[in-house]
Amino acid sequence: MAITYRRATAGDAGALAVLRLEFLTEATDSPPAGPEMVGVMRAYFERAVPTGEFAAWLAVEEAGGEIVATSGLVMRSLPPSIRNPMGREAYIMNMYTRPAWRGRGLATELLARLLGMVR
């Protein structure tokens, strides 16, 4: 099955929220979150993606349009330092591939695209 990669937009906020919750449930062995948490996360992504505070690349299965893997990058502003005179810091998070799609290099490609944003 063919995969395409694209930058996430504010219109992807709902999918980003669902995928983040799938990631957190699996990674932390937590019980599934309720719909209120999906709403809180969706609101965050709707606000943070357009400003560039949060950026993500998505792997999308072409035939059905399903987002099967995602990545995330949070840009933070810190006080300047000798090693970082601009005070910019990128934090990579939310690397998640749905189980049925693992082992195909999707996360590797998503990570490469994230790293290309911060160089």
N, C-alpha and C. Protein backbone atom coordinates (compact mmCIF):
# COMPACT_ATOMS: atom_id res chain seq x y z
N MET A 1 0.84 -1.18 0.00
CA MET A 1 0.00 0.00 0.00
C MET A 1 0.89 1.25 0.00
N ALA A 2 0.52 2.20 -0.81
CA ALA A 2 1.32 3.42 -0.97
C ALA A 2 1.07 4.39 0.18
N ILE A 3 2.14 5.07 0.57
CA ILE A 3 2.10 6.06 1.65
C ILE A 3 2.55 7.40 1.08
N THR A 4 1.86 8.46 1.48
CA THR A 4 2.33 9.80 1.18
C THR A 4 2.63 10.49 2.50
N TYR A 5 3.49 11.48 2.44
CA TYR A 5 3.89 12.24 3.63
C TYR A 5 3.51 13.69 3.41
N ARG A 6 2.99 14.30 4.47
CA ARG A 6 2.66 15.72 4.37
C ARG A 6 2.73 16.36 5.75
N ARG A 7 2.90 17.69 5.74
CA ARG A 7 2.87 18.45 6.99
C ARG A 7 1.45 18.50 7.51
N ALA A 8 1.32 18.42 8.81
CA ALA A 8 0.02 18.55 9.44
C ALA A 8 -0.44 19.99 9.39
N THR A 9 -1.75 20.18 9.31
CA THR A 9 -2.36 21.50 9.36
C THR A 9 -3.32 21.53 10.55
N ALA A 10 -3.85 22.70 10.82
CA ALA A 10 -4.83 22.82 11.91
C ALA A 10 -6.03 21.92 11.66
N GLY A 11 -6.32 21.65 10.40
CA GLY A 11 -7.42 20.75 10.06
C GLY A 11 -7.18 19.31 10.50
N ASP A 12 -5.95 18.97 10.82
CA ASP A 12 -5.61 17.63 11.30
C ASP A 12 -5.66 17.52 12.81
N ALA A 13 -6.10 18.57 13.49
CA ALA A 13 -6.06 18.60 14.96
C ALA A 13 -6.77 17.41 15.58
N GLY A 14 -7.90 17.02 15.07
CA GLY A 14 -8.63 15.88 15.62
C GLY A 14 -7.84 14.59 15.49
N ALA A 15 -7.25 14.36 14.32
CA ALA A 15 -6.45 13.15 14.11
C ALA A 15 -5.19 13.18 14.97
N LEU A 16 -4.56 14.35 15.09
CA LEU A 16 -3.38 14.46 15.95
C LEU A 16 -3.72 14.12 17.39
N ALA A 17 -4.89 14.58 17.85
CA ALA A 17 -5.31 14.29 19.22
C ALA A 17 -5.54 12.79 19.42
N VAL A 18 -6.22 12.16 18.50
CA VAL A 18 -6.49 10.73 18.61
C VAL A 18 -5.20 9.92 18.59
N LEU A 19 -4.29 10.26 17.67
CA LEU A 19 -3.02 9.52 17.59
C LEU A 19 -2.16 9.75 18.83
N ARG A 20 -2.17 10.97 19.37
CA ARG A 20 -1.41 11.21 20.60
C ARG A 20 -1.97 10.37 21.75
N LEU A 21 -3.28 10.29 21.84
CA LEU A 21 -3.88 9.48 22.91
C LEU A 21 -3.59 7.99 22.70
N GLU A 22 -3.58 7.52 21.45
CA GLU A 22 -3.20 6.12 21.20
C GLU A 22 -1.77 5.89 21.67
N PHE A 23 -0.88 6.84 21.33
CA PHE A 23 0.52 6.74 21.76
C PHE A 23 0.63 6.71 23.28
N LEU A 24 -0.03 7.66 23.96
CA LEU A 24 0.07 7.73 25.41
C LEU A 24 -0.50 6.49 26.08
N THR A 25 -1.60 5.98 25.57
CA THR A 25 -2.21 4.77 26.13
C THR A 25 -1.25 3.59 26.02
N GLU A 26 -0.61 3.47 24.86
CA GLU A 26 0.32 2.36 24.64
C GLU A 26 1.63 2.55 25.41
N ALA A 27 2.19 3.75 25.37
CA ALA A 27 3.51 3.99 25.97
C ALA A 27 3.48 4.03 27.49
N THR A 28 2.38 4.46 28.05
CA THR A 28 2.32 4.59 29.50
C THR A 28 1.45 3.54 30.16
N ASP A 29 0.90 2.62 29.36
CA ASP A 29 0.02 1.58 29.88
C ASP A 29 -1.13 2.19 30.68
N SER A 30 -1.65 3.30 30.16
CA SER A 30 -2.75 4.00 30.80
C SER A 30 -4.08 3.53 30.24
N PRO A 31 -5.13 3.69 31.00
CA PRO A 31 -6.45 3.39 30.43
C PRO A 31 -6.78 4.42 29.36
N PRO A 32 -7.60 4.07 28.39
CA PRO A 32 -7.97 5.02 27.35
C PRO A 32 -8.60 6.28 27.96
N ALA A 33 -8.27 7.43 27.39
CA ALA A 33 -8.81 8.70 27.86
C ALA A 33 -10.22 8.90 27.32
N GLY A 34 -10.96 9.71 28.00
CA GLY A 34 -12.32 10.01 27.58
C GLY A 34 -12.37 11.10 26.53
N PRO A 35 -13.57 11.38 26.04
CA PRO A 35 -13.73 12.37 24.97
C PRO A 35 -13.31 13.78 25.40
N GLU A 36 -13.37 14.09 26.69
CA GLU A 36 -12.96 15.42 27.14
C GLU A 36 -11.47 15.65 26.88
N MET A 37 -10.65 14.60 27.03
CA MET A 37 -9.22 14.72 26.77
C MET A 37 -8.95 14.90 25.28
N VAL A 38 -9.71 14.22 24.44
CA VAL A 38 -9.58 14.42 22.99
C VAL A 38 -9.86 15.88 22.66
N GLY A 39 -10.87 16.45 23.28
CA GLY A 39 -11.21 17.86 23.04
C GLY A 39 -10.12 18.81 23.49
N VAL A 40 -9.51 18.54 24.63
CA VAL A 40 -8.43 19.39 25.14
C VAL A 40 -7.23 19.33 24.20
N MET A 41 -6.89 18.12 23.76
CA MET A 41 -5.76 17.98 22.85
C MET A 41 -6.05 18.59 21.49
N ARG A 42 -7.27 18.40 20.98
CA ARG A 42 -7.64 18.99 19.70
C ARG A 42 -7.50 20.50 19.77
N ALA A 43 -7.96 21.10 20.85
CA ALA A 43 -7.86 22.56 21.01
C ALA A 43 -6.40 23.01 21.01
N TYR A 44 -5.54 22.25 21.67
CA TYR A 44 -4.10 22.58 21.67
C TYR A 44 -3.56 22.59 20.24
N PHE A 45 -3.81 21.51 19.50
CA PHE A 45 -3.28 21.42 18.13
C PHE A 45 -3.88 22.48 17.21
N GLU A 46 -5.15 22.79 17.39
CA GLU A 46 -5.76 23.85 16.57
C GLU A 46 -5.08 25.19 16.80
N ARG A 47 -4.60 25.42 18.01
CA ARG A 47 -3.91 26.67 18.34
C ARG A 47 -2.44 26.62 17.98
N ALA A 48 -1.76 25.51 18.29
CA ALA A 48 -0.31 25.45 18.20
C ALA A 48 0.24 25.15 16.80
N VAL A 49 -0.51 24.43 15.97
CA VAL A 49 -0.01 24.11 14.63
C VAL A 49 0.10 25.35 13.75
N PRO A 50 -0.93 26.20 13.68
CA PRO A 50 -0.81 27.38 12.81
C PRO A 50 0.30 28.35 13.22
N THR A 51 0.62 28.42 14.51
CA THR A 51 1.66 29.35 14.96
C THR A 51 3.07 28.78 14.80
N GLY A 52 3.17 27.49 14.54
CA GLY A 52 4.47 26.85 14.44
C GLY A 52 5.03 26.40 15.77
N GLU A 53 4.29 26.63 16.85
CA GLU A 53 4.72 26.14 18.16
C GLU A 53 4.82 24.62 18.15
N PHE A 54 3.92 23.98 17.42
CA PHE A 54 3.94 22.53 17.24
C PHE A 54 3.88 22.25 15.75
N ALA A 55 4.77 21.38 15.29
CA ALA A 55 4.77 20.97 13.88
C ALA A 55 4.76 19.45 13.84
N ALA A 56 4.14 18.92 12.81
CA ALA A 56 4.09 17.46 12.67
C ALA A 56 4.10 17.09 11.19
N TRP A 57 4.67 15.96 10.92
CA TRP A 57 4.57 15.31 9.62
C TRP A 57 3.70 14.09 9.80
N LEU A 58 2.93 13.77 8.79
CA LEU A 58 2.01 12.64 8.82
C LEU A 58 2.33 11.66 7.71
N ALA A 59 2.14 10.39 7.98
CA ALA A 59 2.19 9.35 6.96
C ALA A 59 0.74 8.96 6.69
N VAL A 60 0.33 9.09 5.44
CA VAL A 60 -1.07 8.87 5.07
C VAL A 60 -1.15 7.74 4.05
N GLU A 61 -1.98 6.76 4.34
CA GLU A 61 -2.22 5.66 3.41
C GLU A 61 -3.05 6.22 2.26
N GLU A 62 -2.52 6.13 1.05
CA GLU A 62 -3.13 6.80 -0.09
C GLU A 62 -4.54 6.32 -0.42
N ALA A 63 -4.76 5.03 -0.42
CA ALA A 63 -6.05 4.50 -0.88
C ALA A 63 -7.22 4.99 -0.03
N GLY A 64 -7.05 4.96 1.29
CA GLY A 64 -8.16 5.34 2.16
C GLY A 64 -8.01 6.68 2.84
N GLY A 65 -6.83 7.27 2.73
CA GLY A 65 -6.59 8.56 3.36
C GLY A 65 -6.39 8.50 4.86
N GLU A 66 -6.20 7.30 5.41
CA GLU A 66 -6.00 7.14 6.86
C GLU A 66 -4.61 7.60 7.26
N ILE A 67 -4.53 8.39 8.32
CA ILE A 67 -3.24 8.77 8.88
C ILE A 67 -2.78 7.59 9.72
N VAL A 68 -1.64 7.00 9.33
CA VAL A 68 -1.18 5.77 9.99
C VAL A 68 0.03 5.99 10.86
N ALA A 69 0.68 7.15 10.74
CA ALA A 69 1.83 7.45 11.59
C ALA A 69 1.97 8.97 11.69
N THR A 70 2.52 9.41 12.80
CA THR A 70 2.68 10.84 13.02
C THR A 70 3.96 11.11 13.79
N SER A 71 4.33 12.35 13.75
CA SER A 71 5.51 12.83 14.48
C SER A 71 5.13 14.15 15.12
N GLY A 72 6.01 14.68 15.92
CA GLY A 72 5.73 15.98 16.52
C GLY A 72 7.01 16.70 16.91
N LEU A 73 6.96 17.99 16.79
CA LEU A 73 8.09 18.83 17.13
C LEU A 73 7.57 20.08 17.81
N VAL A 74 8.04 20.31 19.02
CA VAL A 74 7.66 21.51 19.76
C VAL A 74 8.86 22.44 19.74
N MET A 75 8.62 23.66 19.31
CA MET A 75 9.67 24.68 19.33
C MET A 75 9.50 25.49 20.61
N ARG A 76 10.61 25.57 21.36
CA ARG A 76 10.58 26.33 22.61
C ARG A 76 11.59 27.46 22.54
N SER A 77 11.28 28.49 23.28
CA SER A 77 12.19 29.62 23.39
C SER A 77 12.74 29.64 24.81
N LEU A 78 14.06 29.54 24.90
CA LEU A 78 14.74 29.53 26.19
C LEU A 78 15.62 30.78 26.30
N PRO A 79 16.09 31.09 27.48
CA PRO A 79 17.05 32.19 27.58
C PRO A 79 18.30 31.86 26.76
N PRO A 80 18.88 32.83 26.08
CA PRO A 80 20.10 32.56 25.31
C PRO A 80 21.22 32.04 26.21
N SER A 81 22.08 31.25 25.60
CA SER A 81 23.24 30.73 26.32
C SER A 81 24.44 30.74 25.37
N ILE A 82 25.60 30.43 25.89
CA ILE A 82 26.80 30.42 25.05
C ILE A 82 26.66 29.40 23.93
N ARG A 83 26.12 28.25 24.23
CA ARG A 83 25.96 27.21 23.21
C ARG A 83 24.71 27.41 22.35
N ASN A 84 23.80 28.20 22.81
CA ASN A 84 22.55 28.43 22.08
C ASN A 84 22.19 29.91 22.16
N PRO A 85 22.90 30.76 21.41
CA PRO A 85 22.68 32.20 21.52
C PRO A 85 21.29 32.66 21.06
N MET A 86 20.60 31.86 20.26
CA MET A 86 19.24 32.21 19.83
C MET A 86 18.20 31.77 20.86
N GLY A 87 18.58 30.82 21.71
CA GLY A 87 17.64 30.34 22.71
C GLY A 87 16.55 29.44 22.16
N ARG A 88 16.68 29.00 20.91
CA ARG A 88 15.68 28.11 20.31
C ARG A 88 16.01 26.66 20.61
N GLU A 89 14.98 25.92 20.95
CA GLU A 89 15.16 24.50 21.22
C GLU A 89 14.01 23.73 20.58
N ALA A 90 14.36 22.65 19.92
CA ALA A 90 13.35 21.79 19.31
C ALA A 90 13.25 20.51 20.13
N TYR A 91 12.04 20.12 20.45
CA TYR A 91 11.80 18.91 21.22
C TYR A 91 10.95 17.97 20.36
N ILE A 92 11.52 16.83 20.02
CA ILE A 92 10.80 15.86 19.21
C ILE A 92 9.99 14.95 20.11
N MET A 93 8.74 14.77 19.74
CA MET A 93 7.83 13.96 20.54
C MET A 93 6.76 13.33 19.65
N ASN A 94 5.90 12.56 20.23
CA ASN A 94 4.75 11.99 19.54
C ASN A 94 5.10 11.15 18.33
N MET A 95 6.25 10.53 18.31
CA MET A 95 6.57 9.62 17.21
C MET A 95 5.71 8.37 17.42
N TYR A 96 4.75 8.17 16.53
CA TYR A 96 3.83 7.06 16.72
C TYR A 96 3.39 6.49 15.38
N THR A 97 3.45 5.17 15.29
CA THR A 97 2.96 4.45 14.13
C THR A 97 1.94 3.44 14.63
N ARG A 98 0.79 3.41 14.00
CA ARG A 98 -0.21 2.43 14.39
C ARG A 98 0.36 1.03 14.20
N PRO A 99 0.04 0.10 15.12
CA PRO A 99 0.68 -1.22 15.12
C PRO A 99 0.70 -1.95 13.77
N ALA A 100 -0.37 -1.92 13.02
CA ALA A 100 -0.43 -2.65 11.75
C ALA A 100 0.54 -2.10 10.71
N TRP A 101 1.07 -0.91 10.93
CA TRP A 101 1.93 -0.24 9.95
C TRP A 101 3.40 -0.20 10.37
N ARG A 102 3.72 -0.81 11.47
CA ARG A 102 5.09 -0.77 11.97
C ARG A 102 6.03 -1.64 11.14
N GLY A 103 7.33 -1.30 11.21
CA GLY A 103 8.34 -2.08 10.51
C GLY A 103 8.48 -1.74 9.03
N ARG A 104 7.90 -0.62 8.60
CA ARG A 104 7.95 -0.24 7.18
C ARG A 104 8.77 1.03 6.95
N GLY A 105 9.42 1.53 8.02
CA GLY A 105 10.25 2.72 7.86
C GLY A 105 9.50 4.04 7.91
N LEU A 106 8.25 4.03 8.30
CA LEU A 106 7.46 5.26 8.33
C LEU A 106 8.02 6.25 9.35
N ALA A 107 8.32 5.79 10.54
CA ALA A 107 8.85 6.68 11.58
C ALA A 107 10.22 7.22 11.18
N THR A 108 11.02 6.42 10.52
CA THR A 108 12.33 6.89 10.06
C THR A 108 12.16 8.05 9.09
N GLU A 109 11.23 7.91 8.16
CA GLU A 109 10.97 8.99 7.20
C GLU A 109 10.41 10.23 7.89
N LEU A 110 9.49 10.04 8.82
CA LEU A 110 8.91 11.18 9.54
C LEU A 110 9.98 11.91 10.34
N LEU A 111 10.86 11.18 11.00
CA LEU A 111 11.92 11.79 11.77
C LEU A 111 12.86 12.58 10.86
N ALA A 112 13.21 12.04 9.72
CA ALA A 112 14.08 12.75 8.78
C ALA A 112 13.44 14.07 8.35
N ARG A 113 12.15 14.07 8.13
CA ARG A 113 11.47 15.29 7.72
C ARG A 113 11.43 16.31 8.86
N LEU A 114 11.25 15.84 10.09
CA LEU A 114 11.30 16.76 11.24
C LEU A 114 12.69 17.39 11.36
N LEU A 115 13.71 16.56 11.25
CA LEU A 115 15.07 17.08 11.38
C LEU A 115 15.39 18.08 10.29
N GLY A 116 14.83 17.89 9.12
CA GLY A 116 15.02 18.86 8.05
C GLY A 116 14.43 20.20 8.35
N MET A 117 13.48 20.27 9.26
CA MET A 117 12.85 21.54 9.64
C MET A 117 13.72 22.37 10.57
N VAL A 118 14.59 21.72 11.32
CA VAL A 118 15.36 22.44 12.35
C VAL A 118 16.81 22.71 11.96
N ARG A 119 17.20 22.38 10.79
CA ARG A 119 18.59 22.61 10.38
C ARG A 119 18.77 24.00 9.89
